[in-house]
């Protein structure tokens, strides 16, 4: 509990007695250490001790911020989801899809992301909290972006009013996720261009 204290005019400000001052640089160091530990050993083998050691802090610094490694990971995933993907605004459906693929491919090819996401998806089968956080980070936020891309395309007359954002997301991101995260294959030259064209062709197909 924070204790309110008053000071005389002109006297130096004092930190309230009992207040826990959490340094942001320490918090960021811990977050970075968690990502590295997840990428190196996975959630099941990750420990608070190892996180603290990698971050160069004591265990108490971690426990002041998070009560367990599960709450720590959930906080990180939620923060990632809050950032979201930038909404492209190129003026055409193909341009928006291509821009979205570019951003997503960079994220999925990142060493930490490519190892952390599959591990957390496995853990989500045992931890409903992780499953919920992953859904928010990997589906809900991206679905929102896809919905805006579809909305703009409908406004321009490139797509019908009945266009489904969920189908659009499957067609745009699904093949890329399969290629980079599941198969872990390289992207040949022109792959994103071809994938964008294929997704647009499927979305605009009549009937």
N, C-alpha and C. Protein backbone atom coordinates (compact mmCIF):
# COMPACT_ATOMS: atom_id res chain seq x y z
N UNK A 1 0.85 -1.19 0.00
CA UNK A 1 0.00 0.00 0.00
C UNK A 1 0.88 1.24 0.00
N UNK A 2 0.56 2.24 -0.83
CA UNK A 2 1.33 3.46 -0.88
C UNK A 2 0.94 4.37 0.27
N UNK A 3 1.94 4.96 0.90
CA UNK A 3 1.70 5.87 2.01
C UNK A 3 1.87 7.29 1.52
N UNK A 4 0.86 8.11 1.66
CA UNK A 4 0.93 9.49 1.20
C UNK A 4 1.70 10.32 2.19
N UNK A 5 2.69 11.09 1.69
CA UNK A 5 3.49 11.94 2.56
C UNK A 5 3.47 13.35 1.99
N UNK A 6 3.51 14.33 2.88
CA UNK A 6 3.55 15.73 2.45
C UNK A 6 4.92 16.29 2.71
N UNK A 7 5.30 17.30 1.94
CA UNK A 7 6.59 17.95 2.12
C UNK A 7 6.38 19.44 2.23
N UNK A 8 7.30 20.11 2.89
CA UNK A 8 7.22 21.56 3.02
C UNK A 8 7.56 22.19 1.67
N UNK A 9 7.03 23.38 1.37
CA UNK A 9 7.35 24.06 0.12
C UNK A 9 8.85 24.25 -0.02
N UNK A 10 9.38 23.92 -1.20
CA UNK A 10 10.80 24.09 -1.45
C UNK A 10 11.65 22.94 -1.01
N UNK A 11 11.09 21.99 -0.25
CA UNK A 11 11.88 20.84 0.18
C UNK A 11 11.93 19.83 -0.94
N UNK A 12 13.00 18.99 -1.01
CA UNK A 12 13.12 18.00 -2.08
C UNK A 12 12.01 16.97 -2.00
N UNK A 13 11.55 16.51 -3.19
CA UNK A 13 10.49 15.51 -3.24
C UNK A 13 11.05 14.19 -2.75
N UNK A 14 10.24 13.47 -1.99
CA UNK A 14 10.65 12.17 -1.45
C UNK A 14 9.75 11.09 -2.01
N UNK A 15 10.32 9.93 -2.25
CA UNK A 15 9.52 8.79 -2.68
C UNK A 15 8.66 8.32 -1.53
N UNK A 16 7.36 8.14 -1.73
CA UNK A 16 6.49 7.70 -0.64
C UNK A 16 7.02 6.42 -0.01
N UNK A 17 6.96 6.37 1.32
CA UNK A 17 7.43 5.19 2.04
C UNK A 17 6.60 3.98 1.63
N UNK A 18 7.26 2.87 1.36
CA UNK A 18 6.58 1.64 1.00
C UNK A 18 6.29 1.52 -0.48
N UNK A 19 6.63 2.56 -1.27
CA UNK A 19 6.35 2.51 -2.70
C UNK A 19 7.39 1.66 -3.40
N UNK A 20 6.95 0.81 -4.30
CA UNK A 20 7.87 -0.02 -5.07
C UNK A 20 8.13 0.69 -6.40
N UNK A 21 9.33 1.17 -6.56
CA UNK A 21 9.72 1.86 -7.77
C UNK A 21 10.34 0.86 -8.72
N UNK A 22 9.66 0.56 -9.80
CA UNK A 22 10.13 -0.43 -10.76
C UNK A 22 10.81 0.27 -11.93
N UNK A 23 12.09 0.03 -12.04
CA UNK A 23 12.85 0.66 -13.13
C UNK A 23 12.46 0.05 -14.47
N UNK A 24 12.16 0.93 -15.43
CA UNK A 24 11.72 0.47 -16.73
C UNK A 24 12.82 -0.28 -17.47
N UNK A 25 14.10 0.14 -17.28
CA UNK A 25 15.18 -0.55 -17.98
C UNK A 25 15.32 -1.98 -17.49
N UNK A 26 15.06 -2.20 -16.21
CA UNK A 26 15.11 -3.56 -15.66
C UNK A 26 13.95 -4.39 -16.21
N UNK A 27 12.77 -3.78 -16.27
CA UNK A 27 11.60 -4.48 -16.82
C UNK A 27 11.86 -4.90 -18.25
N UNK A 28 12.42 -4.01 -19.06
CA UNK A 28 12.69 -4.33 -20.46
C UNK A 28 13.76 -5.41 -20.58
N UNK A 29 14.75 -5.38 -19.70
CA UNK A 29 15.79 -6.42 -19.72
C UNK A 29 15.20 -7.78 -19.40
N UNK A 30 14.25 -7.82 -18.47
CA UNK A 30 13.60 -9.08 -18.13
C UNK A 30 12.76 -9.58 -19.30
N UNK A 31 12.02 -8.68 -19.94
CA UNK A 31 11.20 -9.08 -21.09
C UNK A 31 12.07 -9.65 -22.21
N UNK A 32 13.18 -8.99 -22.47
CA UNK A 32 14.08 -9.49 -23.52
C UNK A 32 14.63 -10.85 -23.14
N UNK A 33 14.94 -11.04 -21.86
CA UNK A 33 15.46 -12.32 -21.40
C UNK A 33 14.43 -13.43 -21.54
N UNK A 34 13.16 -13.09 -21.32
CA UNK A 34 12.10 -14.09 -21.45
C UNK A 34 12.01 -14.57 -22.90
N UNK A 35 12.03 -13.64 -23.84
CA UNK A 35 11.98 -14.03 -25.25
C UNK A 35 13.16 -14.92 -25.62
N UNK A 36 14.34 -14.60 -25.12
CA UNK A 36 15.52 -15.40 -25.42
C UNK A 36 15.41 -16.79 -24.79
N UNK A 37 14.92 -16.85 -23.57
CA UNK A 37 14.77 -18.15 -22.90
C UNK A 37 13.71 -19.00 -23.61
N UNK A 38 12.61 -18.38 -24.01
CA UNK A 38 11.59 -19.12 -24.73
C UNK A 38 12.14 -19.68 -26.03
N UNK A 39 12.93 -18.87 -26.73
CA UNK A 39 13.50 -19.32 -28.00
C UNK A 39 14.55 -20.40 -27.80
N UNK A 40 15.21 -20.38 -26.65
CA UNK A 40 16.32 -21.31 -26.41
C UNK A 40 15.86 -22.63 -25.82
N UNK A 41 15.02 -22.58 -24.79
CA UNK A 41 14.65 -23.81 -24.07
C UNK A 41 13.16 -24.10 -24.10
N UNK A 42 12.32 -23.12 -24.48
CA UNK A 42 10.88 -23.34 -24.48
C UNK A 42 10.24 -23.04 -23.14
N UNK A 43 8.91 -22.92 -23.15
CA UNK A 43 8.18 -22.54 -21.94
C UNK A 43 8.33 -23.58 -20.83
N UNK A 44 8.21 -24.86 -21.16
CA UNK A 44 8.22 -25.91 -20.14
C UNK A 44 9.52 -25.91 -19.33
N UNK A 45 10.65 -25.68 -19.97
CA UNK A 45 11.94 -25.73 -19.30
C UNK A 45 12.42 -24.37 -18.81
N UNK A 46 11.70 -23.34 -19.17
CA UNK A 46 12.09 -22.00 -18.75
C UNK A 46 11.87 -21.83 -17.24
N UNK A 47 12.76 -21.13 -16.58
CA UNK A 47 12.63 -20.90 -15.15
C UNK A 47 12.87 -19.44 -14.83
N UNK A 48 12.31 -19.00 -13.71
CA UNK A 48 12.52 -17.63 -13.25
C UNK A 48 14.00 -17.39 -12.98
N UNK A 49 14.68 -18.41 -12.43
CA UNK A 49 16.10 -18.28 -12.14
C UNK A 49 16.90 -17.99 -13.40
N UNK A 50 16.61 -18.75 -14.47
CA UNK A 50 17.33 -18.56 -15.73
C UNK A 50 17.03 -17.20 -16.34
N UNK A 51 15.76 -16.77 -16.24
CA UNK A 51 15.38 -15.47 -16.77
C UNK A 51 16.15 -14.36 -16.04
N UNK A 52 16.19 -14.44 -14.71
CA UNK A 52 16.89 -13.44 -13.92
C UNK A 52 18.38 -13.42 -14.25
N UNK A 53 18.95 -14.61 -14.40
CA UNK A 53 20.38 -14.70 -14.71
C UNK A 53 20.68 -14.08 -16.07
N UNK A 54 19.84 -14.37 -17.06
CA UNK A 54 20.07 -13.81 -18.40
C UNK A 54 19.87 -12.29 -18.41
N UNK A 55 18.92 -11.81 -17.59
CA UNK A 55 18.66 -10.37 -17.54
C UNK A 55 19.66 -9.63 -16.66
N UNK A 56 20.45 -10.37 -15.88
CA UNK A 56 21.43 -9.74 -15.00
C UNK A 56 20.80 -9.10 -13.78
N UNK A 57 19.70 -9.70 -13.29
CA UNK A 57 19.01 -9.17 -12.11
C UNK A 57 18.77 -10.31 -11.13
N UNK A 58 18.30 -9.98 -9.95
CA UNK A 58 17.94 -11.00 -8.98
C UNK A 58 16.53 -11.52 -9.23
N UNK A 59 16.23 -12.69 -8.67
CA UNK A 59 14.89 -13.27 -8.84
C UNK A 59 13.81 -12.35 -8.29
N UNK A 60 14.13 -11.63 -7.23
CA UNK A 60 13.13 -10.75 -6.62
C UNK A 60 12.67 -9.66 -7.59
N UNK A 61 13.60 -9.24 -8.48
CA UNK A 61 13.22 -8.21 -9.46
C UNK A 61 12.16 -8.74 -10.41
N UNK A 62 12.22 -10.04 -10.72
CA UNK A 62 11.22 -10.65 -11.58
C UNK A 62 9.90 -10.80 -10.83
N UNK A 63 9.99 -11.32 -9.60
CA UNK A 63 8.77 -11.58 -8.83
C UNK A 63 8.05 -10.29 -8.40
N UNK A 64 8.77 -9.17 -8.36
CA UNK A 64 8.10 -7.91 -8.07
C UNK A 64 7.13 -7.52 -9.19
N UNK A 65 7.44 -8.01 -10.38
CA UNK A 65 6.66 -7.62 -11.56
C UNK A 65 5.65 -8.69 -11.97
N UNK A 66 6.01 -9.96 -11.82
CA UNK A 66 5.14 -11.07 -12.24
C UNK A 66 5.20 -12.17 -11.18
N UNK A 67 4.08 -12.78 -10.90
CA UNK A 67 4.03 -13.77 -9.84
C UNK A 67 4.52 -15.14 -10.28
N UNK A 68 4.57 -15.38 -11.60
CA UNK A 68 5.00 -16.68 -12.10
C UNK A 68 5.46 -16.53 -13.54
N UNK A 69 6.08 -17.58 -14.07
CA UNK A 69 6.51 -17.50 -15.47
C UNK A 69 5.31 -17.49 -16.41
N UNK A 70 4.21 -18.10 -15.99
CA UNK A 70 3.01 -18.08 -16.81
C UNK A 70 2.46 -16.67 -16.92
N UNK A 71 2.35 -15.97 -15.80
CA UNK A 71 1.83 -14.60 -15.84
C UNK A 71 2.78 -13.69 -16.62
N UNK A 72 4.08 -13.98 -16.55
CA UNK A 72 5.06 -13.20 -17.29
C UNK A 72 4.86 -13.36 -18.80
N UNK A 73 4.72 -14.61 -19.23
CA UNK A 73 4.53 -14.88 -20.66
C UNK A 73 3.20 -14.32 -21.15
N UNK A 74 2.16 -14.45 -20.35
CA UNK A 74 0.86 -13.92 -20.74
C UNK A 74 0.92 -12.40 -20.91
N UNK A 75 1.67 -11.74 -20.05
CA UNK A 75 1.83 -10.30 -20.14
C UNK A 75 2.56 -9.92 -21.43
N UNK A 76 3.60 -10.68 -21.78
CA UNK A 76 4.35 -10.40 -22.99
C UNK A 76 3.49 -10.61 -24.23
N UNK A 77 2.74 -11.70 -24.26
CA UNK A 77 1.90 -11.99 -25.42
C UNK A 77 0.81 -10.91 -25.56
N UNK A 78 0.24 -10.50 -24.44
CA UNK A 78 -0.79 -9.46 -24.48
C UNK A 78 -0.22 -8.14 -24.97
N UNK A 79 1.01 -7.82 -24.54
CA UNK A 79 1.66 -6.59 -25.00
C UNK A 79 1.92 -6.64 -26.50
N UNK A 80 2.32 -7.81 -26.97
CA UNK A 80 2.55 -8.01 -28.40
C UNK A 80 1.26 -7.83 -29.19
N UNK A 81 0.17 -8.38 -28.65
CA UNK A 81 -1.13 -8.27 -29.32
C UNK A 81 -1.58 -6.82 -29.38
N UNK A 82 -1.29 -6.06 -28.32
CA UNK A 82 -1.73 -4.66 -28.27
C UNK A 82 -1.04 -3.83 -29.34
N UNK A 83 0.19 -4.20 -29.71
CA UNK A 83 0.90 -3.45 -30.75
C UNK A 83 0.22 -3.62 -32.10
N UNK A 84 -0.19 -4.86 -32.38
CA UNK A 84 -0.90 -5.12 -33.62
C UNK A 84 -0.05 -4.92 -34.87
N UNK A 85 -0.65 -5.19 -36.00
CA UNK A 85 -0.01 -4.97 -37.29
C UNK A 85 -0.45 -3.63 -37.85
N UNK A 86 0.44 -2.94 -38.54
CA UNK A 86 0.03 -1.68 -39.16
C UNK A 86 -0.99 -1.95 -40.27
N UNK A 87 -1.96 -1.07 -40.38
CA UNK A 87 -2.98 -1.23 -41.41
C UNK A 87 -2.47 -0.60 -42.70
N UNK A 88 -2.31 -1.40 -43.78
CA UNK A 88 -1.82 -0.83 -45.03
C UNK A 88 -2.87 0.06 -45.69
N UNK A 89 -2.41 1.06 -46.41
CA UNK A 89 -3.32 1.97 -47.11
C UNK A 89 -2.65 2.38 -48.42
N UNK A 90 -2.52 1.42 -49.33
CA UNK A 90 -1.82 1.67 -50.58
C UNK A 90 -2.73 2.17 -51.69
N UNK A 91 -4.04 2.01 -51.50
CA UNK A 91 -4.97 2.45 -52.51
C UNK A 91 -5.46 1.34 -53.43
N UNK A 92 -4.99 0.12 -53.21
CA UNK A 92 -5.46 -1.01 -54.02
C UNK A 92 -5.45 -2.26 -53.18
N UNK A 93 -6.29 -3.22 -53.53
CA UNK A 93 -6.35 -4.48 -52.78
C UNK A 93 -5.03 -5.22 -52.89
N UNK A 94 -4.49 -5.30 -54.11
CA UNK A 94 -3.20 -5.99 -54.27
C UNK A 94 -2.12 -5.31 -53.44
N UNK A 95 -2.05 -3.99 -53.49
CA UNK A 95 -1.04 -3.27 -52.73
C UNK A 95 -1.17 -3.51 -51.24
N UNK A 96 -2.40 -3.49 -50.73
CA UNK A 96 -2.61 -3.72 -49.30
C UNK A 96 -2.22 -5.14 -48.90
N UNK A 97 -2.61 -6.12 -49.72
CA UNK A 97 -2.27 -7.51 -49.42
C UNK A 97 -0.76 -7.71 -49.47
N UNK A 98 -0.12 -7.13 -50.46
CA UNK A 98 1.34 -7.27 -50.59
C UNK A 98 2.05 -6.63 -49.40
N UNK A 99 1.58 -5.45 -48.97
CA UNK A 99 2.18 -4.77 -47.82
C UNK A 99 1.99 -5.58 -46.55
N UNK A 100 0.80 -6.16 -46.38
CA UNK A 100 0.52 -6.97 -45.21
C UNK A 100 1.42 -8.21 -45.17
N UNK A 101 1.62 -8.82 -46.32
CA UNK A 101 2.50 -9.99 -46.40
C UNK A 101 3.95 -9.63 -46.07
N UNK A 102 4.37 -8.47 -46.49
CA UNK A 102 5.75 -8.04 -46.22
C UNK A 102 5.98 -7.90 -44.72
N UNK A 103 5.05 -7.23 -44.04
CA UNK A 103 5.18 -7.03 -42.60
C UNK A 103 5.12 -8.37 -41.86
N UNK A 104 4.16 -9.21 -42.25
CA UNK A 104 3.99 -10.50 -41.58
C UNK A 104 5.20 -11.40 -41.81
N UNK A 105 5.77 -11.37 -43.00
CA UNK A 105 6.91 -12.24 -43.29
C UNK A 105 8.13 -11.82 -42.47
N UNK A 106 8.31 -10.53 -42.28
CA UNK A 106 9.43 -10.06 -41.45
C UNK A 106 9.26 -10.52 -40.01
N UNK A 107 8.04 -10.43 -39.50
CA UNK A 107 7.78 -10.85 -38.13
C UNK A 107 7.99 -12.34 -37.96
N UNK A 108 7.49 -13.14 -38.90
CA UNK A 108 7.56 -14.59 -38.77
C UNK A 108 8.97 -15.12 -39.01
N UNK A 109 9.80 -14.36 -39.74
CA UNK A 109 11.16 -14.80 -39.99
C UNK A 109 12.12 -14.41 -38.87
N UNK A 110 11.65 -13.59 -37.94
CA UNK A 110 12.50 -13.20 -36.81
C UNK A 110 12.84 -14.45 -36.00
N UNK A 111 14.09 -14.60 -35.61
CA UNK A 111 14.54 -15.82 -34.95
C UNK A 111 13.72 -16.14 -33.70
N UNK A 112 13.50 -15.14 -32.88
CA UNK A 112 12.76 -15.37 -31.65
C UNK A 112 11.31 -15.74 -31.94
N UNK A 113 10.66 -14.98 -32.82
CA UNK A 113 9.25 -15.23 -33.13
C UNK A 113 9.06 -16.61 -33.75
N UNK A 114 9.96 -17.01 -34.64
CA UNK A 114 9.80 -18.29 -35.33
C UNK A 114 9.94 -19.47 -34.39
N UNK A 115 10.61 -19.26 -33.25
CA UNK A 115 10.76 -20.35 -32.29
C UNK A 115 9.76 -20.24 -31.14
N UNK A 116 9.43 -19.03 -30.76
CA UNK A 116 8.54 -18.82 -29.62
C UNK A 116 7.10 -19.18 -29.96
N UNK A 117 6.62 -18.74 -31.12
CA UNK A 117 5.21 -18.97 -31.47
C UNK A 117 4.86 -20.45 -31.51
N UNK A 118 5.63 -21.30 -32.22
CA UNK A 118 5.28 -22.73 -32.22
C UNK A 118 5.29 -23.34 -30.83
N UNK A 119 6.25 -22.93 -30.00
CA UNK A 119 6.33 -23.49 -28.64
C UNK A 119 5.10 -23.10 -27.83
N UNK A 120 4.68 -21.84 -27.93
CA UNK A 120 3.52 -21.40 -27.17
C UNK A 120 2.23 -22.04 -27.69
N UNK A 121 2.18 -22.32 -28.98
CA UNK A 121 1.00 -23.00 -29.52
C UNK A 121 0.89 -24.40 -28.93
N UNK A 122 2.01 -25.07 -28.73
CA UNK A 122 2.00 -26.38 -28.09
C UNK A 122 1.54 -26.24 -26.64
N UNK A 123 2.09 -25.26 -25.93
CA UNK A 123 1.74 -25.06 -24.54
C UNK A 123 0.28 -24.65 -24.37
N UNK A 124 -0.30 -24.04 -25.40
CA UNK A 124 -1.69 -23.59 -25.29
C UNK A 124 -2.66 -24.74 -25.12
N UNK A 125 -2.26 -25.94 -25.52
CA UNK A 125 -3.12 -27.11 -25.33
C UNK A 125 -3.19 -27.52 -23.87
N UNK A 126 -2.21 -27.09 -23.09
CA UNK A 126 -2.18 -27.42 -21.66
C UNK A 126 -2.55 -26.24 -20.76
N UNK A 127 -2.48 -25.05 -21.32
CA UNK A 127 -2.78 -23.85 -20.53
C UNK A 127 -3.82 -23.01 -21.26
N UNK A 128 -5.07 -23.05 -20.83
CA UNK A 128 -6.12 -22.26 -21.49
C UNK A 128 -5.80 -20.77 -21.53
N UNK A 129 -5.09 -20.27 -20.52
CA UNK A 129 -4.75 -18.85 -20.50
C UNK A 129 -3.84 -18.49 -21.66
N UNK A 130 -2.88 -19.38 -21.96
CA UNK A 130 -1.98 -19.13 -23.09
C UNK A 130 -2.76 -19.20 -24.40
N UNK A 131 -3.67 -20.16 -24.49
CA UNK A 131 -4.49 -20.29 -25.70
C UNK A 131 -5.26 -19.01 -25.96
N UNK A 132 -5.84 -18.44 -24.91
CA UNK A 132 -6.62 -17.22 -25.06
C UNK A 132 -5.73 -16.05 -25.48
N UNK A 133 -4.53 -15.95 -24.87
CA UNK A 133 -3.61 -14.87 -25.20
C UNK A 133 -3.09 -15.01 -26.62
N UNK A 134 -2.79 -16.24 -27.02
CA UNK A 134 -2.30 -16.48 -28.38
C UNK A 134 -3.37 -16.13 -29.39
N UNK A 135 -4.60 -16.47 -29.09
CA UNK A 135 -5.69 -16.13 -30.01
C UNK A 135 -5.77 -14.62 -30.21
N UNK A 136 -5.64 -13.87 -29.13
CA UNK A 136 -5.69 -12.42 -29.23
C UNK A 136 -4.50 -11.88 -30.03
N UNK A 137 -3.33 -12.49 -29.83
CA UNK A 137 -2.12 -11.99 -30.49
C UNK A 137 -2.06 -12.40 -31.95
N UNK A 138 -2.44 -13.64 -32.26
CA UNK A 138 -2.25 -14.16 -33.61
C UNK A 138 -3.50 -14.13 -34.48
N UNK A 139 -4.65 -14.03 -33.87
CA UNK A 139 -5.87 -14.07 -34.69
C UNK A 139 -6.67 -12.78 -34.60
N UNK A 140 -7.06 -12.42 -33.40
CA UNK A 140 -7.96 -11.28 -33.25
C UNK A 140 -7.37 -9.99 -33.82
N UNK A 141 -6.08 -9.72 -33.50
CA UNK A 141 -5.48 -8.48 -33.99
C UNK A 141 -5.33 -8.51 -35.50
N UNK A 142 -4.90 -9.66 -36.06
CA UNK A 142 -4.72 -9.76 -37.50
C UNK A 142 -6.07 -9.75 -38.23
N UNK A 143 -7.07 -10.32 -37.60
CA UNK A 143 -8.41 -10.31 -38.20
C UNK A 143 -8.91 -8.87 -38.31
N UNK A 144 -8.59 -8.05 -37.31
CA UNK A 144 -9.00 -6.65 -37.37
C UNK A 144 -8.36 -5.94 -38.56
N UNK A 145 -7.08 -6.22 -38.81
CA UNK A 145 -6.39 -5.61 -39.95
C UNK A 145 -7.02 -6.10 -41.26
N UNK A 146 -7.26 -7.42 -41.34
CA UNK A 146 -7.88 -7.98 -42.55
C UNK A 146 -9.24 -7.36 -42.81
N UNK A 147 -9.99 -7.13 -41.74
CA UNK A 147 -11.32 -6.53 -41.89
C UNK A 147 -11.23 -5.13 -42.49
N UNK A 148 -10.21 -4.37 -42.09
CA UNK A 148 -10.04 -3.02 -42.64
C UNK A 148 -9.60 -3.07 -44.10
N UNK A 149 -8.74 -4.04 -44.43
CA UNK A 149 -8.31 -4.20 -45.83
C UNK A 149 -9.51 -4.54 -46.70
N UNK A 150 -10.35 -5.45 -46.22
CA UNK A 150 -11.56 -5.84 -46.97
C UNK A 150 -12.52 -4.66 -47.07
N UNK A 151 -12.70 -3.93 -45.99
CA UNK A 151 -13.61 -2.79 -46.00
C UNK A 151 -13.19 -1.76 -47.05
N UNK A 152 -11.89 -1.46 -47.09
CA UNK A 152 -11.40 -0.49 -48.06
C UNK A 152 -11.58 -0.99 -49.49
N UNK A 153 -11.35 -2.30 -49.67
CA UNK A 153 -11.51 -2.88 -51.02
C UNK A 153 -12.98 -2.84 -51.45
N UNK A 154 -13.89 -3.04 -50.50
CA UNK A 154 -15.32 -2.96 -50.81
C UNK A 154 -15.69 -1.52 -51.19
N UNK A 155 -15.14 -0.57 -50.46
CA UNK A 155 -15.42 0.84 -50.75
C UNK A 155 -14.94 1.22 -52.15
N UNK A 156 -13.80 0.66 -52.56
CA UNK A 156 -13.25 0.96 -53.89
C UNK A 156 -13.94 0.16 -54.99
N UNK A 157 -14.79 -0.78 -54.62
CA UNK A 157 -15.47 -1.60 -55.60
C UNK A 157 -14.67 -2.80 -56.07
N UNK A 158 -13.57 -3.12 -55.37
CA UNK A 158 -12.75 -4.26 -55.75
C UNK A 158 -13.30 -5.58 -55.21
N UNK A 159 -14.07 -5.49 -54.14
CA UNK A 159 -14.69 -6.67 -53.54
C UNK A 159 -16.17 -6.41 -53.31
N UNK A 160 -16.98 -7.47 -53.31
CA UNK A 160 -18.41 -7.30 -53.04
C UNK A 160 -18.66 -7.06 -51.55
N UNK A 161 -19.82 -6.58 -51.22
CA UNK A 161 -20.17 -6.32 -49.82
C UNK A 161 -20.12 -7.59 -48.97
N UNK A 162 -20.29 -8.74 -49.61
CA UNK A 162 -20.31 -10.00 -48.87
C UNK A 162 -18.93 -10.56 -48.58
N UNK A 163 -17.87 -9.87 -48.95
CA UNK A 163 -16.50 -10.36 -48.74
C UNK A 163 -16.28 -10.66 -47.26
N UNK A 164 -15.67 -11.81 -46.99
CA UNK A 164 -15.48 -12.30 -45.62
C UNK A 164 -14.06 -12.05 -45.14
N UNK A 165 -13.85 -11.22 -44.09
CA UNK A 165 -12.51 -10.95 -43.59
C UNK A 165 -11.78 -12.20 -43.10
N UNK A 166 -12.52 -13.16 -42.53
CA UNK A 166 -11.87 -14.39 -42.06
C UNK A 166 -11.29 -15.17 -43.23
N UNK A 167 -12.04 -15.26 -44.31
CA UNK A 167 -11.54 -15.95 -45.50
C UNK A 167 -10.34 -15.20 -46.07
N UNK A 168 -10.41 -13.89 -46.05
CA UNK A 168 -9.29 -13.08 -46.55
C UNK A 168 -8.03 -13.34 -45.73
N UNK A 169 -8.19 -13.41 -44.41
CA UNK A 169 -7.03 -13.65 -43.55
C UNK A 169 -6.44 -15.03 -43.81
N UNK A 170 -7.30 -16.03 -43.98
CA UNK A 170 -6.83 -17.39 -44.29
C UNK A 170 -6.02 -17.41 -45.58
N UNK A 171 -6.54 -16.73 -46.60
CA UNK A 171 -5.90 -16.74 -47.91
C UNK A 171 -4.60 -15.95 -47.92
N UNK A 172 -4.53 -14.89 -47.13
CA UNK A 172 -3.35 -14.02 -47.15
C UNK A 172 -2.23 -14.56 -46.26
N UNK A 173 -2.56 -14.83 -44.99
CA UNK A 173 -1.53 -15.19 -44.02
C UNK A 173 -1.32 -16.70 -43.91
N UNK A 174 -2.38 -17.48 -44.15
CA UNK A 174 -2.27 -18.93 -43.97
C UNK A 174 -1.11 -19.57 -44.70
N UNK A 175 -0.97 -19.37 -46.01
CA UNK A 175 0.15 -19.99 -46.73
C UNK A 175 1.52 -19.51 -46.24
N UNK A 176 1.59 -18.22 -45.85
CA UNK A 176 2.87 -17.68 -45.37
C UNK A 176 3.26 -18.31 -44.04
N UNK A 177 2.28 -18.45 -43.15
CA UNK A 177 2.55 -19.08 -41.85
C UNK A 177 2.99 -20.52 -42.05
N UNK A 178 2.32 -21.23 -42.93
CA UNK A 178 2.68 -22.62 -43.21
C UNK A 178 4.13 -22.71 -43.70
N UNK A 179 4.48 -21.83 -44.61
CA UNK A 179 5.80 -21.87 -45.23
C UNK A 179 6.91 -21.52 -44.23
N UNK A 180 6.69 -20.48 -43.42
CA UNK A 180 7.76 -19.98 -42.56
C UNK A 180 7.82 -20.65 -41.20
N UNK A 181 6.66 -20.98 -40.62
CA UNK A 181 6.64 -21.49 -39.25
C UNK A 181 6.54 -23.01 -39.20
N UNK A 182 5.72 -23.59 -40.06
CA UNK A 182 5.54 -25.05 -40.03
C UNK A 182 6.62 -25.75 -40.84
N UNK A 183 6.73 -25.42 -42.11
CA UNK A 183 7.72 -26.05 -42.97
C UNK A 183 9.11 -25.48 -42.73
N UNK A 184 9.16 -24.22 -42.32
CA UNK A 184 10.43 -23.50 -42.08
C UNK A 184 11.28 -23.44 -43.34
N UNK A 185 10.62 -23.15 -44.45
CA UNK A 185 11.33 -23.04 -45.71
C UNK A 185 11.65 -21.60 -46.04
N UNK A 186 12.59 -21.43 -46.97
CA UNK A 186 12.95 -20.09 -47.43
C UNK A 186 11.87 -19.56 -48.38
N UNK A 187 11.87 -18.26 -48.56
CA UNK A 187 10.95 -17.65 -49.50
C UNK A 187 11.70 -17.37 -50.80
N UNK A 188 11.33 -18.06 -51.89
CA UNK A 188 11.99 -17.81 -53.16
C UNK A 188 11.76 -16.37 -53.63
N UNK A 189 12.60 -15.91 -54.51
CA UNK A 189 12.44 -14.57 -55.05
C UNK A 189 11.08 -14.45 -55.73
N UNK A 190 10.37 -13.40 -55.41
CA UNK A 190 9.06 -13.16 -55.99
C UNK A 190 7.92 -13.90 -55.32
N UNK A 191 8.22 -14.64 -54.25
CA UNK A 191 7.19 -15.45 -53.59
C UNK A 191 6.05 -14.58 -53.05
N UNK A 192 6.40 -13.48 -52.38
CA UNK A 192 5.36 -12.62 -51.80
C UNK A 192 4.52 -11.96 -52.88
N UNK A 193 5.15 -11.61 -53.99
CA UNK A 193 4.39 -11.04 -55.11
C UNK A 193 3.38 -12.05 -55.64
N UNK A 194 3.84 -13.28 -55.84
CA UNK A 194 2.95 -14.33 -56.36
C UNK A 194 1.84 -14.66 -55.37
N UNK A 195 2.20 -14.71 -54.08
CA UNK A 195 1.20 -15.03 -53.06
C UNK A 195 0.15 -13.94 -52.99
N UNK A 196 0.58 -12.69 -53.06
CA UNK A 196 -0.37 -11.57 -53.05
C UNK A 196 -1.32 -11.65 -54.24
N UNK A 197 -0.77 -11.94 -55.42
CA UNK A 197 -1.60 -12.04 -56.63
C UNK A 197 -2.58 -13.20 -56.52
N UNK A 198 -2.12 -14.33 -55.95
CA UNK A 198 -3.00 -15.49 -55.80
C UNK A 198 -4.12 -15.19 -54.82
N UNK A 199 -3.78 -14.53 -53.71
CA UNK A 199 -4.80 -14.20 -52.71
C UNK A 199 -5.84 -13.25 -53.28
N UNK A 200 -5.39 -12.25 -54.01
CA UNK A 200 -6.33 -11.30 -54.62
C UNK A 200 -7.21 -12.00 -55.65
N UNK A 201 -6.61 -12.89 -56.45
CA UNK A 201 -7.39 -13.62 -57.46
C UNK A 201 -8.48 -14.47 -56.80
N UNK A 202 -8.12 -15.11 -55.67
CA UNK A 202 -9.10 -15.93 -54.97
C UNK A 202 -10.20 -15.08 -54.35
N UNK A 203 -9.83 -13.94 -53.79
CA UNK A 203 -10.82 -13.07 -53.14
C UNK A 203 -11.77 -12.44 -54.15
N UNK A 204 -11.28 -12.15 -55.34
CA UNK A 204 -12.10 -11.46 -56.33
C UNK A 204 -12.76 -12.43 -57.31
N UNK A 205 -12.55 -13.73 -57.12
CA UNK A 205 -13.15 -14.71 -58.02
C UNK A 205 -14.67 -14.63 -57.96
N UNK A 206 -15.29 -14.67 -59.11
CA UNK A 206 -16.75 -14.61 -59.17
C UNK A 206 -17.36 -15.97 -58.84
N UNK A 207 -18.52 -15.95 -58.15
CA UNK A 207 -19.20 -17.21 -57.87
C UNK A 207 -18.70 -17.85 -56.61
